[in-house]
C-alpha atoms as a PDB file:
ATOM      1  CA  MET A   1      10.751  16.296  -6.600  1.00  0.00           C
ATOM      2  CA  GLN A   2      13.949  15.418  -4.731  1.00  0.00           C
ATOM      3  CA  GLY A   3      16.958  13.303  -5.792  1.00  0.00           C
ATOM      4  CA  ARG A   4      18.355   9.954  -5.188  1.00  0.00           C
ATOM      5  CA  VAL A   5      16.525   6.839  -4.123  1.00  0.00           C
ATOM      6  CA  THR A   6      18.691   3.855  -2.999  1.00  0.00           C
ATOM      7  CA  VAL A   7      17.244   0.398  -2.937  1.00  0.00           C
ATOM      8  CA  VAL A   8      19.306  -2.084  -0.767  1.00  0.00           C
ATOM      9  CA  GLY A   9      18.717  -5.643  -1.871  1.00  0.00           C
ATOM     10  CA  ALA A  10      18.608  -6.652  -5.483  1.00  0.00           C
ATOM     11  CA  GLY A  11      16.205  -9.626  -4.946  1.00  0.00           C
ATOM     12  CA  GLN A  12      12.807  -9.696  -6.645  1.00  0.00           C
ATOM     13  CA  VAL A  13      11.171  -6.990  -4.518  1.00  0.00           C
ATOM     14  CA  GLY A  14      14.194  -4.695  -4.797  1.00  0.00           C
ATOM     15  CA  ILE A  15      14.787  -4.859  -8.516  1.00  0.00           C
ATOM     16  CA  THR A  16      11.011  -4.724  -9.264  1.00  0.00           C
ATOM     17  CA  THR A  17      10.830  -1.558  -7.010  1.00  0.00           C
ATOM     18  CA  ALA A  18      13.790  -0.073  -8.977  1.00  0.00           C
ATOM     19  CA  ALA A  19      12.155  -0.827 -12.355  1.00  0.00           C
ATOM     20  CA  ARG A  20       8.796   0.682 -11.279  1.00  0.00           C
ATOM     21  CA  LEU A  21      10.523   3.882  -9.881  1.00  0.00           C
ATOM     22  CA  ALA A  22      12.386   4.155 -13.178  1.00  0.00           C
ATOM     23  CA  SER A  23       9.490   3.549 -15.586  1.00  0.00           C
ATOM     24  CA  SER A  24       7.191   6.005 -13.647  1.00  0.00           C
ATOM     25  CA  ALA A  25       9.878   8.641 -13.448  1.00  0.00           C
ATOM     26  CA  GLN A  26       9.376   8.939  -9.696  1.00  0.00           C
ATOM     27  CA  ALA A  27      13.120   9.354  -8.953  1.00  0.00           C
ATOM     28  CA  PRO A  28      15.624  11.135 -10.984  1.00  0.00           C
ATOM     29  CA  GLU A  29      18.380   8.774  -9.762  1.00  0.00           C
ATOM     30  CA  ILE A  30      18.168   5.197  -8.545  1.00  0.00           C
ATOM     31  CA  VAL A  31      20.925   3.245  -6.931  1.00  0.00           C
ATOM     32  CA  VAL A  32      20.634  -0.467  -6.356  1.00  0.00           C
ATOM     33  CA  ILE A  33      22.974  -2.044  -3.856  1.00  0.00           C
ATOM     34  CA  ASP A  34      23.589  -5.661  -3.081  1.00  0.00           C
ATOM     35  CA  ILE A  35      26.485  -7.325  -1.221  1.00  0.00           C
ATOM     36  CA  VAL A  36      26.726 -10.162  -3.874  1.00  0.00           C
ATOM     37  CA  PRO A  37      29.378  -9.083  -6.314  1.00  0.00           C
ATOM     38  CA  GLY A  38      28.035  -8.174  -9.787  1.00  0.00           C
ATOM     39  CA  LEU A  39      24.374  -8.888  -8.901  1.00  0.00           C
ATOM     40  CA  ALA A  40      23.032  -5.300  -8.563  1.00  0.00           C
ATOM     41  CA  ALA A  41      25.303  -4.054 -11.423  1.00  0.00           C
ATOM     42  CA  GLY A  42      24.149  -6.770 -13.748  1.00  0.00           C
ATOM     43  CA  LEU A  43      20.478  -6.243 -13.004  1.00  0.00           C
ATOM     44  CA  ALA A  44      20.793  -2.464 -13.243  1.00  0.00           C
ATOM     45  CA  LEU A  45      22.474  -2.963 -16.591  1.00  0.00           C
ATOM     46  CA  ASP A  46      19.466  -4.959 -17.788  1.00  0.00           C
ATOM     47  CA  LEU A  47      17.266  -2.136 -16.565  1.00  0.00           C
ATOM     48  CA  GLN A  48      19.323   0.320 -18.477  1.00  0.00           C
ATOM     49  CA  HIS A  49      18.869  -1.602 -21.659  1.00  0.00           C
ATOM     50  CA  ALA A  50      15.183  -1.760 -20.953  1.00  0.00           C
ATOM     51  CA  GLY A  51      14.959   1.942 -20.560  1.00  0.00           C
ATOM     52  CA  VAL A  52      15.970   2.368 -24.138  1.00  0.00           C
ATOM     53  CA  LEU A  53      12.778   0.640 -25.176  1.00  0.00           C
ATOM     54  CA  ALA A  54      10.562   1.712 -22.303  1.00  0.00           C
ATOM     55  CA  GLY A  55      11.333   5.423 -22.595  1.00  0.00           C
ATOM     56  CA  TYR A  56      13.088   6.158 -19.350  1.00  0.00           C
ATOM     57  CA  ASP A  57      16.586   7.465 -19.065  1.00  0.00           C
ATOM     58  CA  PRO A  58      19.089   4.534 -18.639  1.00  0.00           C
ATOM     59  CA  ALA A  59      21.503   6.850 -16.984  1.00  0.00           C
ATOM     60  CA  GLN A  60      19.327   7.283 -13.918  1.00  0.00           C
ATOM     61  CA  ILE A  61      20.017   3.730 -12.794  1.00  0.00           C
ATOM     62  CA  ARG A  62      23.221   2.382 -11.190  1.00  0.00           C
ATOM     63  CA  GLY A  63      24.008  -0.978  -9.577  1.00  0.00           C
ATOM     64  CA  THR A  64      26.767  -1.709  -7.159  1.00  0.00           C
ATOM     65  CA  ASP A  65      28.039  -3.528  -4.099  1.00  0.00           C
ATOM     66  CA  ASP A  66      29.435  -0.265  -2.700  1.00  0.00           C
ATOM     67  CA  TYR A  67      27.457   1.330   0.147  1.00  0.00           C
ATOM     68  CA  THR A  68      29.177   4.638  -0.316  1.00  0.00           C
ATOM     69  CA  LEU A  69      27.110   5.219  -3.381  1.00  0.00           C
ATOM     70  CA  MET A  70      24.023   5.730  -1.265  1.00  0.00           C
ATOM     71  CA  ARG A  71      25.319   9.158  -0.248  1.00  0.00           C
ATOM     72  CA  HIS A  72      22.883  12.003  -0.403  1.00  0.00           C
ATOM     73  CA  SER A  73      19.832   9.777  -0.883  1.00  0.00           C
ATOM     74  CA  SER A  74      16.508  11.283  -0.130  1.00  0.00           C
ATOM     75  CA  VAL A  75      15.041   7.808   0.461  1.00  0.00           C
ATOM     76  CA  VAL A  76      16.619   4.422   1.234  1.00  0.00           C
ATOM     77  CA  VAL A  77      14.394   1.366   0.691  1.00  0.00           C
ATOM     78  CA  ILE A  78      15.587  -1.731   2.503  1.00  0.00           C
ATOM     79  CA  THR A  79      14.506  -4.923   0.923  1.00  0.00           C
ATOM     80  CA  ALA A  80      17.614  -6.990   1.801  1.00  0.00           C
ATOM     81  CA  GLY A  81      17.285 -10.226   3.730  1.00  0.00           C
ATOM     82  CA  SER A  82      15.631 -13.591   3.516  1.00  0.00           C
ATOM     83  CA  ALA A  83      12.269 -13.741   1.769  1.00  0.00           C
ATOM     84  CA  ARG A  84       9.266 -15.409   3.243  1.00  0.00           C
ATOM     85  CA  ARG A  85       8.378 -18.895   1.959  1.00  0.00           C
ATOM     86  CA  PRO A  86       5.265 -21.090   2.662  1.00  0.00           C
ATOM     87  CA  ASP A  87       7.147 -23.061   5.432  1.00  0.00           C
ATOM     88  CA  ILE A  88       8.484 -20.003   7.182  1.00  0.00           C
ATOM     89  CA  SER A  89       6.587 -17.406   9.084  1.00  0.00           C
ATOM     90  CA  ARG A  90       7.433 -13.761   9.094  1.00  0.00           C
ATOM     91  CA  ASP A  91       8.524 -13.977  12.834  1.00  0.00           C
ATOM     92  CA  ASP A  92      10.798 -16.943  11.949  1.00  0.00           C
ATOM     93  CA  LEU A  93      12.759 -14.625   9.715  1.00  0.00           C
ATOM     94  CA  LEU A  94      13.695 -12.241  12.573  1.00  0.00           C
ATOM     95  CA  ALA A  95      16.851 -14.195  13.634  1.00  0.00           C
ATOM     96  CA  LYS A  96      18.019 -14.253  10.013  1.00  0.00           C
ATOM     97  CA  ASN A  97      17.164 -10.744   8.996  1.00  0.00           C
ATOM     98  CA  ARG A  98      17.957  -8.805  12.203  1.00  0.00           C
ATOM     99  CA  PRO A  99      21.852  -8.739  11.645  1.00  0.00           C
ATOM    100  CA  ILE A 100      21.237  -7.845   7.896  1.00  0.00           C
ATOM    101  CA  VAL A 101      19.018  -4.974   8.575  1.00  0.00           C
ATOM    102  CA  ARG A 102      21.325  -3.629  11.369  1.00  0.00           C
ATOM    103  CA  GLU A 103      24.251  -3.775   8.935  1.00  0.00           C
ATOM    104  CA  VAL A 104      22.221  -1.719   6.345  1.00  0.00           C
ATOM    105  CA  ALA A 105      21.178   0.693   9.031  1.00  0.00           C
ATOM    106  CA  ARG A 106      24.838   1.286  10.118  1.00  0.00           C
ATOM    107  CA  ALA A 107      25.620   1.995   6.383  1.00  0.00           C
ATOM    108  CA  ILE A 108      22.850   4.591   6.195  1.00  0.00           C
ATOM    109  CA  SER A 109      24.073   6.069   9.425  1.00  0.00           C
ATOM    110  CA  ARG A 110      27.638   6.497   7.898  1.00  0.00           C
ATOM    111  CA  HIS A 111      26.756   7.594   4.379  1.00  0.00           C
ATOM    112  CA  THR A 112      23.205   9.279   4.272  1.00  0.00           C
ATOM    113  CA  PRO A 113      22.000   9.717   7.876  1.00  0.00           C
ATOM    114  CA  ASP A 114      19.369  12.335   6.909  1.00  0.00           C
ATOM    115  CA  SER A 115      17.441  10.049   4.448  1.00  0.00           C
ATOM    116  CA  VAL A 116      13.928   8.720   4.985  1.00  0.00           C
ATOM    117  CA  VAL A 117      14.101   4.880   5.371  1.00  0.00           C
ATOM    118  CA  VAL A 118      11.390   2.660   4.025  1.00  0.00           C
ATOM    119  CA  LEU A 119      11.803  -0.771   5.537  1.00  0.00           C
ATOM    120  CA  VAL A 120      10.266  -3.752   3.653  1.00  0.00           C
ATOM    121  CA  THR A 121      12.221  -6.660   5.066  1.00  0.00           C
ATOM    122  CA  ASN A 122      10.175  -9.053   7.332  1.00  0.00           C
ATOM    123  CA  PRO A 123       9.124  -9.109  10.129  1.00  0.00           C
ATOM    124  CA  VAL A 124       8.809  -5.405   9.470  1.00  0.00           C
ATOM    125  CA  GLU A 125       7.702  -4.090  12.959  1.00  0.00           C
ATOM    126  CA  PRO A 126      10.579  -5.458  15.193  1.00  0.00           C
ATOM    127  CA  LEU A 127      13.041  -4.635  12.451  1.00  0.00           C
ATOM    128  CA  CYS A 128      11.847  -1.021  12.387  1.00  0.00           C
ATOM    129  CA  HIS A 129      12.858  -1.008  16.038  1.00  0.00           C
ATOM    130  CA  GLU A 130      16.290  -2.212  15.033  1.00  0.00           C
ATOM    131  CA  VAL A 131      16.591   0.558  12.532  1.00  0.00           C
ATOM    132  CA  LEU A 132      15.448   3.023  15.109  1.00  0.00           C
ATOM    133  CA  ASP A 133      18.109   1.745  17.525  1.00  0.00           C
ATOM    134  CA  VAL A 134      20.854   2.566  15.060  1.00  0.00           C
ATOM    135  CA  LEU A 135      19.500   5.767  13.407  1.00  0.00           C
ATOM    136  CA  GLY A 136      17.063   7.426  15.824  1.00  0.00           C
ATOM    137  CA  HIS A 137      14.603   9.829  14.267  1.00  0.00           C
ATOM    138  CA  PRO A 138      11.440   7.684  14.214  1.00  0.00           C
ATOM    139  CA  GLU A 139       9.620  10.011  11.858  1.00  0.00           C
ATOM    140  CA  ARG A 140      12.121   9.097   9.211  1.00  0.00           C
ATOM    141  CA  ILE A 141      11.638   5.258   9.607  1.00  0.00           C
ATOM    142  CA  ILE A 142       8.546   3.908   7.771  1.00  0.00           C
ATOM    143  CA  GLY A 143       7.651   0.289   7.289  1.00  0.00           C
ATOM    144  CA  LEU A 144       5.718  -1.389   4.441  1.00  0.00           C
ATOM    145  CA  SER A 145       2.459  -2.837   5.843  1.00  0.00           C
ATOM    146  CA  GLY A 146      -0.945  -1.365   5.599  1.00  0.00           C
ATOM    147  CA  ALA A 147      -0.544   0.180   2.089  1.00  0.00           C
ATOM    148  CA  LEU A 148      -0.037  -3.563   0.850  1.00  0.00           C
ATOM    149  CA  ASP A 149      -2.532  -5.147   3.015  1.00  0.00           C
ATOM    150  CA  SER A 150      -5.236  -2.555   2.267  1.00  0.00           C
ATOM    151  CA  ALA A 151      -4.624  -3.160  -1.545  1.00  0.00           C
ATOM    152  CA  ARG A 152      -5.385  -6.886  -0.958  1.00  0.00           C
ATOM    153  CA  PHE A 153      -8.498  -6.033   1.145  1.00  0.00           C
ATOM    154  CA  ALA A 154      -9.708  -3.783  -1.523  1.00  0.00           C
ATOM    155  CA  PHE A 155      -9.032  -6.414  -4.164  1.00  0.00           C
ATOM    156  CA  ALA A 156     -10.981  -8.960  -2.235  1.00  0.00           C
ATOM    157  CA  ILE A 157     -13.910  -6.621  -1.702  1.00  0.00           C
ATOM    158  CA  ALA A 158     -14.082  -5.752  -5.370  1.00  0.00           C
ATOM    159  CA  GLU A 159     -14.070  -9.500  -6.272  1.00  0.00           C
ATOM    160  CA  GLN A 160     -16.887 -10.259  -3.770  1.00  0.00           C
ATOM    161  CA  ALA A 161     -18.979  -7.280  -4.730  1.00  0.00           C
ATOM    162  CA  ALA A 162     -18.365  -7.809  -8.481  1.00  0.00           C
ATOM    163  CA  THR A 163     -17.415  -4.059  -8.939  1.00  0.00           C
ATOM    164  CA  GLY A 164     -14.568  -2.081 -10.268  1.00  0.00           C
ATOM    165  CA  ILE A 165     -11.639  -1.567  -7.849  1.00  0.00           C
ATOM    166  CA  GLY A 166     -11.983   2.240  -8.195  1.00  0.00           C
ATOM    167  CA  GLU A 167     -15.369   1.937  -6.397  1.00  0.00           C
ATOM    168  CA  VAL A 168     -13.794   0.429  -3.251  1.00  0.00           C
ATOM    169  CA  SER A 169     -12.192   2.146  -0.326  1.00  0.00           C
ATOM    170  CA  ALA A 170     -10.509  -0.137   2.315  1.00  0.00           C
ATOM    171  CA  THR A 171      -7.929   0.200   5.023  1.00  0.00           C
ATOM    172  CA  VAL A 172      -5.958  -2.412   6.957  1.00  0.00           C
ATOM    173  CA  LEU A 173      -4.104  -1.426  10.252  1.00  0.00           C
ATOM    174  CA  GLY A 174      -2.027  -3.369  12.749  1.00  0.00           C
ATOM    175  CA  ARG A 175       0.845  -5.827  12.224  1.00  0.00           C
ATOM    176  CA  HIS A 176       1.588  -7.020   8.711  1.00  0.00           C
ATOM    177  CA  GLY A 177       0.351 -10.588   8.689  1.00  0.00           C
ATOM    178  CA  ASP A 178      -2.168 -12.752  10.458  1.00  0.00           C
ATOM    179  CA  SER A 179      -3.057 -10.263  13.147  1.00  0.00           C
ATOM    180  CA  ALA A 180      -3.601  -7.445  10.649  1.00  0.00           C
ATOM    181  CA  VAL A 181      -6.981  -5.577  11.317  1.00  0.00           C
ATOM    182  CA  PRO A 182      -9.097  -4.831   8.387  1.00  0.00           C
ATOM    183  CA  ILE A 183     -11.205  -1.815   9.254  1.00  0.00           C
ATOM    184  CA  VAL A 184     -14.561  -3.108   8.060  1.00  0.00           C
ATOM    185  CA  SER A 185     -16.412  -0.156   9.721  1.00  0.00           C
ATOM    186  CA  ARG A 186     -14.777   2.339   7.291  1.00  0.00           C
ATOM    187  CA  ALA A 187     -14.718   0.208   4.109  1.00  0.00           C
ATOM    188  CA  THR A 188     -17.059   1.280   1.420  1.00  0.00           C
ATOM    189  CA  VAL A 189     -18.168   0.260  -2.107  1.00  0.00           C
ATOM    190  CA  SER A 190     -19.386   3.193  -4.290  1.00  0.00           C
ATOM    191  CA  GLY A 191     -19.616   5.235  -1.157  1.00  0.00           C
ATOM    192  CA  ARG A 192     -21.886   2.744   0.600  1.00  0.00           C
ATOM    193  CA  PRO A 193     -20.808   0.927   3.918  1.00  0.00           C
ATOM    194  CA  LEU A 194     -19.475  -2.603   3.309  1.00  0.00           C
ATOM    195  CA  ALA A 195     -22.257  -4.057   5.372  1.00  0.00           C
ATOM    196  CA  ALA A 196     -24.749  -2.717   2.992  1.00  0.00           C
ATOM    197  CA  VAL A 197     -23.173  -4.493   0.105  1.00  0.00           C
ATOM    198  CA  LEU A 198     -21.799  -7.799   1.448  1.00  0.00           C
ATOM    199  CA  ASP A 199     -23.229 -10.246   3.929  1.00  0.00           C
ATOM    200  CA  GLU A 200     -21.436 -11.306   7.105  1.00  0.00           C
ATOM    201  CA  GLN A 201     -20.014 -14.423   5.510  1.00  0.00           C
ATOM    202  CA  GLN A 202     -18.674 -12.420   2.694  1.00  0.00           C
ATOM    203  CA  ILE A 203     -17.235  -9.785   4.951  1.00  0.00           C
ATOM    204  CA  GLU A 204     -15.491 -12.402   7.000  1.00  0.00           C
ATOM    205  CA  ALA A 205     -14.049 -13.855   3.836  1.00  0.00           C
ATOM    206  CA  VAL A 206     -12.734 -10.570   2.518  1.00  0.00           C
ATOM    207  CA  ALA A 207     -11.181  -9.726   5.967  1.00  0.00           C
ATOM    208  CA  ARG A 208      -9.483 -13.119   6.069  1.00  0.00           C
ATOM    209  CA  TYR A 209      -8.050 -12.530   2.641  1.00  0.00           C
ATOM    210  CA  ALA A 210      -6.589  -9.159   3.734  1.00  0.00           C
ATOM    211  CA  ARG A 211      -4.632 -10.878   6.410  1.00  0.00           C
ATOM    212  CA  SER A 212      -3.529 -13.797   4.235  1.00  0.00           C
ATOM    213  CA  GLY A 213      -3.311 -12.476   0.712  1.00  0.00           C
ATOM    214  CA  SER A 214       0.426 -13.089   0.476  1.00  0.00           C
ATOM    215  CA  GLY A 215      -0.130 -16.687   1.644  1.00  0.00           C
ATOM    216  CA  GLU A 216      -2.562 -17.293  -1.310  1.00  0.00           C
ATOM    217  CA  VAL A 217       0.238 -16.141  -3.636  1.00  0.00           C
ATOM    218  CA  LEU A 218       2.864 -18.403  -1.879  1.00  0.00           C
ATOM    219  CA  ARG A 219       0.476 -21.402  -1.918  1.00  0.00           C
ATOM    220  CA  LEU A 220       0.409 -21.051  -5.754  1.00  0.00           C
ATOM    221  CA  LEU A 221       4.085 -20.228  -6.094  1.00  0.00           C
ATOM    222  CA  PRO A 222       5.800 -22.356  -3.338  1.00  0.00           C
ATOM    223  CA  ALA A 223       9.238 -21.677  -4.722  1.00  0.00           C
ATOM    224  CA  GLY A 224       8.695 -17.943  -5.155  1.00  0.00           C
ATOM    225  CA  SER A 225       7.506 -14.957  -3.194  1.00  0.00           C
ATOM    226  CA  THR A 226       5.405 -11.873  -3.663  1.00  0.00           C
ATOM    227  CA  TYR A 227       7.063  -8.883  -5.325  1.00  0.00           C
ATOM    228  CA  TRP A 228       4.844  -7.111  -7.760  1.00  0.00           C
ATOM    229  CA  ALA A 229       2.355  -5.777  -5.242  1.00  0.00           C
ATOM    230  CA  PRO A 230       5.063  -4.907  -2.642  1.00  0.00           C
ATOM    231  CA  ALA A 231       6.916  -2.976  -5.258  1.00  0.00           C
ATOM    232  CA  ALA A 232       3.816  -1.165  -6.294  1.00  0.00           C
ATOM    233  CA  ALA A 233       3.124  -0.224  -2.553  1.00  0.00           C
ATOM    234  CA  ILE A 234       6.750   0.911  -2.114  1.00  0.00           C
ATOM    235  CA  GLU A 235       6.597   3.143  -5.209  1.00  0.00           C
ATOM    236  CA  ARG A 236       3.393   4.723  -3.847  1.00  0.00           C
ATOM    237  CA  MET A 237       5.124   5.454  -0.566  1.00  0.00           C
ATOM    238  CA  VAL A 238       8.229   6.859  -2.298  1.00  0.00           C
ATOM    239  CA  ARG A 239       6.167   8.970  -4.553  1.00  0.00           C
ATOM    240  CA  ALA A 240       4.419  10.649  -1.469  1.00  0.00           C
ATOM    241  CA  ILE A 241       7.885  11.243   0.131  1.00  0.00           C
ATOM    242  CA  LEU A 242       9.601  12.642  -2.924  1.00  0.00           C
ATOM    243  CA  GLY A 243       6.658  14.774  -3.912  1.00  0.00           C
ATOM    244  CA  ASP A 244       6.037  15.919  -0.398  1.00  0.00           C
ATOM    245  CA  THR A 245       2.333  15.211  -0.928  1.00  0.00           C
ATOM    246  CA  HIS A 246       1.135  14.531   2.610  1.00  0.00           C
ATOM    247  CA  GLU A 247      -0.784  11.678   1.160  1.00  0.00           C
ATOM    248  CA  GLU A 248      -2.469   9.539   3.835  1.00  0.00           C
ATOM    249  CA  LEU A 249      -1.350   5.869   3.647  1.00  0.00           C
ATOM    250  CA  PRO A 250      -1.465   3.127   6.214  1.00  0.00           C
ATOM    251  CA  CYS A 251       2.165   2.256   7.067  1.00  0.00           C
ATOM    252  CA  THR A 252       4.303   0.893   9.939  1.00  0.00           C
ATOM    253  CA  ALA A 253       5.085   3.836  12.224  1.00  0.00           C
ATOM    254  CA  LEU A 254       6.193   4.469  15.785  1.00  0.00           C
ATOM    255  CA  CYS A 255       3.034   5.208  17.878  1.00  0.00           C
ATOM    256  CA  THR A 256       3.490   7.507  20.801  1.00  0.00           C
ATOM    257  CA  GLY A 257       0.154   7.194  22.432  1.00  0.00           C
ATOM    258  CA  GLN A 258      -2.119   7.063  19.248  1.00  0.00           C
ATOM    259  CA  TYR A 259      -4.752   4.403  19.451  1.00  0.00           C
ATOM    260  CA  GLY A 260      -3.609   3.714  23.031  1.00  0.00           C
ATOM    261  CA  ILE A 261      -0.275   2.319  21.735  1.00  0.00           C
ATOM    262  CA  ASP A 262       2.972   3.696  23.045  1.00  0.00           C
ATOM    263  CA  GLU A 263       6.564   3.278  21.675  1.00  0.00           C
ATOM    264  CA  LEU A 264       5.755   0.453  19.309  1.00  0.00           C
ATOM    265  CA  PHE A 265       5.958   0.292  15.584  1.00  0.00           C
ATOM    266  CA  VAL A 266       2.588  -0.894  14.171  1.00  0.00           C
ATOM    267  CA  GLY A 267       0.539  -0.229  10.965  1.00  0.00           C
ATOM    268  CA  VAL A 268      -1.476   3.023  11.318  1.00  0.00           C
ATOM    269  CA  PRO A 269      -2.534   5.667   8.838  1.00  0.00           C
ATOM    270  CA  VAL A 270       0.176   8.408   8.356  1.00  0.00           C
ATOM    271  CA  ARG A 271       0.567  11.463   6.185  1.00  0.00           C
ATOM    272  CA  LEU A 272       3.857  11.172   4.257  1.00  0.00           C
ATOM    273  CA  GLY A 273       6.144  14.030   3.153  1.00  0.00           C
ATOM    274  CA  ALA A 274       9.737  14.957   2.287  1.00  0.00           C
ATOM    275  CA  SER A 275      10.849  14.470   6.027  1.00  0.00           C
ATOM    276  CA  GLY A 276       8.965  11.171   6.340  1.00  0.00           C
ATOM    277  CA  ILE A 277       5.928  10.798   8.626  1.00  0.00           C
ATOM    278  CA  LYS A 278       4.315  14.225   9.046  1.00  0.00           C
ATOM    279  CA  GLN A 279       1.407  12.983  11.182  1.00  0.00           C
ATOM    280  CA  ILE A 280      -0.136   9.772  12.524  1.00  0.00           C
ATOM    281  CA  VAL A 281      -3.938  10.014  11.724  1.00  0.00           C
ATOM    282  CA  GLU A 282      -6.347   8.763  14.361  1.00  0.00           C
ATOM    283  CA  LEU A 283      -9.300   7.317  12.576  1.00  0.00           C
ATOM    284  CA  GLU A 284     -12.738   6.766  14.204  1.00  0.00           C
ATOM    285  CA  ILE A 285     -12.932   3.082  14.454  1.00  0.00           C
ATOM    286  CA  THR A 286     -15.114   0.670  16.494  1.00  0.00           C
ATOM    287  CA  ARG A 287     -14.143  -0.466  19.972  1.00  0.00           C
ATOM    288  CA  ALA A 288     -13.782  -4.040  18.739  1.00  0.00           C
ATOM    289  CA  GLU A 289     -11.370  -2.717  15.988  1.00  0.00           C
ATOM    290  CA  LEU A 290      -9.454  -0.779  18.344  1.00  0.00           C
ATOM    291  CA  ARG A 291      -9.023  -3.793  20.804  1.00  0.00           C
ATOM    292  CA  ALA A 292      -7.893  -5.810  17.852  1.00  0.00           C
ATOM    293  CA  LEU A 293      -5.395  -3.177  16.787  1.00  0.00           C
ATOM    294  CA  GLN A 294      -4.037  -2.975  20.356  1.00  0.00           C
ATOM    295  CA  ALA A 295      -3.795  -6.797  20.566  1.00  0.00           C
ATOM    296  CA  SER A 296      -1.889  -6.730  17.242  1.00  0.00           C
ATOM    297  CA  ALA A 297       0.507  -4.232  18.748  1.00  0.00           C
ATOM    298  CA  ALA A 298       0.918  -6.433  21.848  1.00  0.00           C
ATOM    299  CA  GLU A 299       2.334  -9.154  19.544  1.00  0.00           C
ATOM    300  CA  VAL A 300       4.980  -6.708  18.415  1.00  0.00           C
ATOM    301  CA  GLN A 301       5.813  -6.064  22.115  1.00  0.00           C
ATOM    302  CA  ALA A 302       6.033  -9.833  22.870  1.00  0.00           C
ATOM    303  CA  LEU A 303       8.233 -10.418  19.970  1.00  0.00           C
ATOM    304  CA  LEU A 304      10.576  -7.572  21.026  1.00  0.00           C
ATOM    305  CA  GLY A 305      10.667  -9.168  24.437  1.00  0.00           C
ATOM    306  CA  SER A 306      11.679 -12.515  23.073  1.00  0.00           C
ATOM    307  CA  THR A 307      14.307 -10.829  21.054  1.00  0.00           C
ATOM    308  CA  ASP A 308      15.774  -9.056  24.055  1.00  0.00           C
ATOM    309  CA  ALA A 309      15.952 -12.386  25.892  1.00  0.00           C
ATOM    310  CA  THR A 310      18.230 -13.987  23.262  1.00  0.00           C
END
């Protein structure tokens, strides 16, 4: 296992991610950075106190507003930026979060240019292009998308099938959000195809939930945002990177011809290791699923085009 993980952004997702990494002993050193003076330091101190009770080493966590402390990070997780609310779409956040993410990317370029970057800030696909523009090295730029959406898909399937979550295998590709593509053809329950377990109406319902699971949370918590599930997905990605496990997870990655998509970040299955993305895995999916995935990628292209025009 390698060394330092830096989490930039001490909001709910960022600090919950730091807490999960500490309690699961995934990172021997965790730095939390936020530009608000005292915020990251105060929350890190709270986590240090918690470590005494929870059994992790308080000394592994530091909080600061000083970007230089990200030096020599193996992984930098970017959660900084405005969070999504029920009245704001992911795309609406682009204008607000673009300069924030570029500032963080420039800090990474100055202080820890060889780190693997896990981008969480929405909208993740066009913002991955912003990070790439600053840092280059697309194999080291990974966005949070499919790992989280696939968890929501699996949850919905288990609920509909009245079975344990361990019996479900489910994958979601494409953009994070309404145009995400649940890969129904590969979903299984206890090894059986989804169509053998659920009827068409139920399958339509679980696919819809996979695309809108965060919206369900926001509907119930209009003043809040999702953070427990994103933090768990980030931890899983960081674990694969630090452990060099080559685990296959759906993540936002730069496609270079895979699935007929070229030079666009979109959610696809990847193998993760110490240097980032080791391989983009091309699954056998139906023609309809492939068309939906390509249409989802086209939305990213359109959003990039609108950004270039501003």
